[in-house]
């Protein structure tokens, strides 16, 4: 006869796991009920964006320090920023900026109590996930087209 308490002793469903200390615990419900969706991706990317923006801030401080140390240091920093590696980092930080702006807009709309149902939440999340790279490409195309940046 099965145990009416539903513990791990008679579990046939795989809903329990034995902890390292030997005690049975139920699996977290999210493992059985949640499916991956775009709003989860947007949330995780927003956190990654914050970390990347922190790294970008270090580059900004280094640029200010180079300006403070004189023309030679500033010329070296500008040369590094204009190199292919520097342009690649600049492009990445531009993606971070657009991601931060789009996710911030999504949060602003959600914090106002709007777009909290599934369809609009998914739409805003898709914009925040898929929008930064094309926007950054357009931005850098404009920089190259106007001659502000060159290789």
C-alpha atoms as a PDB file:
ATOM      1  CA  UNK A   1       0.000   0.000   0.000  1.00  0.00           C
ATOM      2  CA  UNK A   2       1.278   3.466  -0.825  1.00  0.00           C
ATOM      3  CA  UNK A   3       2.230   5.954   1.815  1.00  0.00           C
ATOM      4  CA  UNK A   4      -0.499   8.617   2.175  1.00  0.00           C
ATOM      5  CA  UNK A   5       2.065  11.296   3.076  1.00  0.00           C
ATOM      6  CA  UNK A   6       3.583  11.111  -0.407  1.00  0.00           C
ATOM      7  CA  UNK A   7       7.193  11.013   0.754  1.00  0.00           C
ATOM      8  CA  UNK A   8      10.198   9.616  -1.076  1.00  0.00           C
ATOM      9  CA  UNK A   9       9.911   6.125   0.429  1.00  0.00           C
ATOM     10  CA  UNK A  10       7.282   5.057  -2.100  1.00  0.00           C
ATOM     11  CA  UNK A  11       7.930   7.605  -4.840  1.00  0.00           C
ATOM     12  CA  UNK A  12       7.473   6.122  -8.315  1.00  0.00           C
ATOM     13  CA  UNK A  13       7.260   9.478 -10.095  1.00  0.00           C
ATOM     14  CA  UNK A  14      10.786  10.775  -9.730  1.00  0.00           C
ATOM     15  CA  UNK A  15       9.574  13.864  -7.918  1.00  0.00           C
ATOM     16  CA  UNK A  16      11.951  13.346  -5.019  1.00  0.00           C
ATOM     17  CA  UNK A  17      15.720  13.431  -4.840  1.00  0.00           C
ATOM     18  CA  UNK A  18      17.991  12.173  -2.082  1.00  0.00           C
ATOM     19  CA  UNK A  19      20.182  14.927  -0.688  1.00  0.00           C
ATOM     20  CA  UNK A  20      23.892  14.268   0.073  1.00  0.00           C
ATOM     21  CA  UNK A  21      22.965  13.945   3.753  1.00  0.00           C
ATOM     22  CA  UNK A  22      20.586  11.081   2.877  1.00  0.00           C
ATOM     23  CA  UNK A  23      17.356  13.010   3.448  1.00  0.00           C
ATOM     24  CA  UNK A  24      14.756  12.942   0.659  1.00  0.00           C
ATOM     25  CA  UNK A  25      13.570  16.279  -0.687  1.00  0.00           C
ATOM     26  CA  UNK A  26      11.083  17.068  -3.438  1.00  0.00           C
ATOM     27  CA  UNK A  27      12.480  18.433  -6.676  1.00  0.00           C
ATOM     28  CA  UNK A  28      11.841  22.098  -7.288  1.00  0.00           C
ATOM     29  CA  UNK A  29       8.507  22.531  -9.060  1.00  0.00           C
ATOM     30  CA  UNK A  30      10.036  24.667 -11.796  1.00  0.00           C
ATOM     31  CA  UNK A  31      11.842  21.622 -13.122  1.00  0.00           C
ATOM     32  CA  UNK A  32       8.521  20.055 -14.067  1.00  0.00           C
ATOM     33  CA  UNK A  33       6.303  23.031 -14.869  1.00  0.00           C
ATOM     34  CA  UNK A  34       8.308  25.857 -16.455  1.00  0.00           C
ATOM     35  CA  UNK A  35       9.329  25.990 -20.098  1.00  0.00           C
ATOM     36  CA  UNK A  36      12.011  28.324 -21.419  1.00  0.00           C
ATOM     37  CA  UNK A  37      10.580  31.479 -22.997  1.00  0.00           C
ATOM     38  CA  UNK A  38      11.688  34.854 -24.252  1.00  0.00           C
ATOM     39  CA  UNK A  39      10.914  36.774 -21.057  1.00  0.00           C
ATOM     40  CA  UNK A  40      13.386  34.584 -19.173  1.00  0.00           C
ATOM     41  CA  UNK A  41      16.010  35.262 -21.838  1.00  0.00           C
ATOM     42  CA  UNK A  42      15.403  39.014 -21.617  1.00  0.00           C
ATOM     43  CA  UNK A  43      15.735  38.920 -17.842  1.00  0.00           C
ATOM     44  CA  UNK A  44      19.021  37.013 -17.939  1.00  0.00           C
ATOM     45  CA  UNK A  45      20.451  39.202 -20.715  1.00  0.00           C
ATOM     46  CA  UNK A  46      19.577  42.311 -18.717  1.00  0.00           C
ATOM     47  CA  UNK A  47      21.685  41.015 -15.839  1.00  0.00           C
ATOM     48  CA  UNK A  48      24.526  40.174 -18.234  1.00  0.00           C
ATOM     49  CA  UNK A  49      24.206  43.676 -19.690  1.00  0.00           C
ATOM     50  CA  UNK A  50      24.688  45.216 -16.260  1.00  0.00           C
ATOM     51  CA  UNK A  51      27.890  43.215 -15.794  1.00  0.00           C
ATOM     52  CA  UNK A  52      29.162  44.169 -19.245  1.00  0.00           C
ATOM     53  CA  UNK A  53      28.371  47.834 -18.582  1.00  0.00           C
ATOM     54  CA  UNK A  54      30.504  47.598 -15.446  1.00  0.00           C
ATOM     55  CA  UNK A  55      33.420  46.344 -17.557  1.00  0.00           C
ATOM     56  CA  UNK A  56      32.744  49.188 -19.998  1.00  0.00           C
ATOM     57  CA  UNK A  57      32.959  51.641 -17.110  1.00  0.00           C
ATOM     58  CA  UNK A  58      36.503  50.413 -16.470  1.00  0.00           C
ATOM     59  CA  UNK A  59      37.391  51.309 -20.073  1.00  0.00           C
ATOM     60  CA  UNK A  60      35.840  54.740 -19.538  1.00  0.00           C
ATOM     61  CA  UNK A  61      37.905  55.310 -16.395  1.00  0.00           C
ATOM     62  CA  UNK A  62      41.049  54.161 -18.229  1.00  0.00           C
ATOM     63  CA  UNK A  63      40.317  56.660 -21.011  1.00  0.00           C
ATOM     64  CA  UNK A  64      39.877  59.468 -18.457  1.00  0.00           C
ATOM     65  CA  UNK A  65      43.097  58.425 -16.730  1.00  0.00           C
ATOM     66  CA  UNK A  66      44.928  58.507 -20.062  1.00  0.00           C
ATOM     67  CA  UNK A  67      43.593  62.020 -20.676  1.00  0.00           C
ATOM     68  CA  UNK A  68      44.767  63.063 -17.212  1.00  0.00           C
ATOM     69  CA  UNK A  69      48.276  61.673 -17.748  1.00  0.00           C
ATOM     70  CA  UNK A  70      48.973  63.829 -20.756  1.00  0.00           C
ATOM     71  CA  UNK A  71      49.022  63.882 -24.543  1.00  0.00           C
ATOM     72  CA  UNK A  72      51.265  60.835 -24.957  1.00  0.00           C
ATOM     73  CA  UNK A  73      49.074  58.590 -22.794  1.00  0.00           C
ATOM     74  CA  UNK A  74      45.947  59.926 -24.470  1.00  0.00           C
ATOM     75  CA  UNK A  75      47.406  59.274 -27.930  1.00  0.00           C
ATOM     76  CA  UNK A  76      48.241  55.689 -26.888  1.00  0.00           C
ATOM     77  CA  UNK A  77      44.713  55.148 -25.544  1.00  0.00           C
ATOM     78  CA  UNK A  78      43.189  56.642 -28.691  1.00  0.00           C
ATOM     79  CA  UNK A  79      45.389  54.435 -30.853  1.00  0.00           C
ATOM     80  CA  UNK A  80      44.241  51.354 -28.921  1.00  0.00           C
ATOM     81  CA  UNK A  81      40.602  52.415 -29.198  1.00  0.00           C
ATOM     82  CA  UNK A  82      41.007  52.902 -32.969  1.00  0.00           C
ATOM     83  CA  UNK A  83      42.636  49.502 -33.490  1.00  0.00           C
ATOM     84  CA  UNK A  84      40.560  46.569 -34.746  1.00  0.00           C
ATOM     85  CA  UNK A  85      40.450  45.142 -31.216  1.00  0.00           C
ATOM     86  CA  UNK A  86      39.376  48.508 -29.819  1.00  0.00           C
ATOM     87  CA  UNK A  87      36.675  48.863 -32.462  1.00  0.00           C
ATOM     88  CA  UNK A  88      35.443  45.352 -31.663  1.00  0.00           C
ATOM     89  CA  UNK A  89      35.226  46.229 -27.960  1.00  0.00           C
ATOM     90  CA  UNK A  90      33.489  49.477 -28.900  1.00  0.00           C
ATOM     91  CA  UNK A  91      30.953  47.577 -30.982  1.00  0.00           C
ATOM     92  CA  UNK A  92      30.345  45.198 -28.066  1.00  0.00           C
ATOM     93  CA  UNK A  93      29.814  48.096 -25.701  1.00  0.00           C
ATOM     94  CA  UNK A  94      27.403  49.632 -28.210  1.00  0.00           C
ATOM     95  CA  UNK A  95      25.407  46.374 -28.149  1.00  0.00           C
ATOM     96  CA  UNK A  96      25.464  46.596 -24.352  1.00  0.00           C
ATOM     97  CA  UNK A  97      24.213  50.189 -24.490  1.00  0.00           C
ATOM     98  CA  UNK A  98      21.297  49.354 -26.789  1.00  0.00           C
ATOM     99  CA  UNK A  99      20.467  46.258 -24.745  1.00  0.00           C
ATOM    100  CA  UNK A 100      20.470  48.357 -21.598  1.00  0.00           C
ATOM    101  CA  UNK A 101      18.229  50.965 -23.205  1.00  0.00           C
ATOM    102  CA  UNK A 102      15.740  48.463 -24.643  1.00  0.00           C
ATOM    103  CA  UNK A 103      15.573  46.415 -21.443  1.00  0.00           C
ATOM    104  CA  UNK A 104      15.270  49.603 -19.418  1.00  0.00           C
ATOM    105  CA  UNK A 105      12.352  50.672 -21.600  1.00  0.00           C
ATOM    106  CA  UNK A 106      10.766  47.257 -21.096  1.00  0.00           C
ATOM    107  CA  UNK A 107      11.134  47.612 -17.339  1.00  0.00           C
ATOM    108  CA  UNK A 108       9.781  51.148 -17.411  1.00  0.00           C
ATOM    109  CA  UNK A 109       6.658  50.005 -19.252  1.00  0.00           C
ATOM    110  CA  UNK A 110       6.220  47.002 -16.941  1.00  0.00           C
ATOM    111  CA  UNK A 111       6.741  49.121 -13.827  1.00  0.00           C
ATOM    112  CA  UNK A 112       3.927  51.376 -15.019  1.00  0.00           C
ATOM    113  CA  UNK A 113       1.661  48.307 -14.945  1.00  0.00           C
ATOM    114  CA  UNK A 114       1.495  47.961 -18.720  1.00  0.00           C
ATOM    115  CA  UNK A 115       2.286  44.994 -21.007  1.00  0.00           C
ATOM    116  CA  UNK A 116       2.101  42.454 -18.202  1.00  0.00           C
ATOM    117  CA  UNK A 117       0.006  39.909 -20.075  1.00  0.00           C
ATOM    118  CA  UNK A 118       1.681  37.190 -22.114  1.00  0.00           C
ATOM    119  CA  UNK A 119       1.524  38.609 -25.647  1.00  0.00           C
ATOM    120  CA  UNK A 120       2.810  42.154 -24.933  1.00  0.00           C
ATOM    121  CA  UNK A 121       5.363  40.870 -22.419  1.00  0.00           C
ATOM    122  CA  UNK A 122       6.718  38.472 -25.032  1.00  0.00           C
ATOM    123  CA  UNK A 123       6.800  41.242 -27.646  1.00  0.00           C
ATOM    124  CA  UNK A 124       8.736  43.647 -25.413  1.00  0.00           C
ATOM    125  CA  UNK A 125      11.107  40.865 -24.415  1.00  0.00           C
ATOM    126  CA  UNK A 126      11.710  39.908 -28.051  1.00  0.00           C
ATOM    127  CA  UNK A 127      12.503  43.533 -28.875  1.00  0.00           C
ATOM    128  CA  UNK A 128      14.928  43.678 -25.937  1.00  0.00           C
ATOM    129  CA  UNK A 129      16.598  40.389 -26.911  1.00  0.00           C
ATOM    130  CA  UNK A 130      16.801  40.740 -30.692  1.00  0.00           C
ATOM    131  CA  UNK A 131      17.001  44.533 -31.074  1.00  0.00           C
ATOM    132  CA  UNK A 132      20.440  45.498 -29.708  1.00  0.00           C
ATOM    133  CA  UNK A 133      22.605  43.856 -32.385  1.00  0.00           C
ATOM    134  CA  UNK A 134      20.797  45.330 -35.425  1.00  0.00           C
ATOM    135  CA  UNK A 135      20.685  48.745 -33.749  1.00  0.00           C
ATOM    136  CA  UNK A 136      24.412  48.567 -32.990  1.00  0.00           C
ATOM    137  CA  UNK A 137      25.151  47.541 -36.576  1.00  0.00           C
ATOM    138  CA  UNK A 138      23.134  50.495 -37.900  1.00  0.00           C
ATOM    139  CA  UNK A 139      24.909  52.825 -35.484  1.00  0.00           C
ATOM    140  CA  UNK A 140      28.368  51.622 -36.556  1.00  0.00           C
ATOM    141  CA  UNK A 141      27.438  51.730 -40.238  1.00  0.00           C
ATOM    142  CA  UNK A 142      26.476  55.377 -39.694  1.00  0.00           C
ATOM    143  CA  UNK A 143      29.801  56.021 -37.910  1.00  0.00           C
ATOM    144  CA  UNK A 144      31.782  54.526 -40.784  1.00  0.00           C
ATOM    145  CA  UNK A 145      29.608  56.193 -43.459  1.00  0.00           C
ATOM    146  CA  UNK A 146      30.085  59.654 -41.946  1.00  0.00           C
ATOM    147  CA  UNK A 147      33.833  59.156 -41.579  1.00  0.00           C
ATOM    148  CA  UNK A 148      33.807  59.430 -37.776  1.00  0.00           C
ATOM    149  CA  UNK A 149      35.387  55.975 -37.534  1.00  0.00           C
ATOM    150  CA  UNK A 150      37.736  54.239 -39.928  1.00  0.00           C
ATOM    151  CA  UNK A 151      40.079  51.302 -39.927  1.00  0.00           C
END
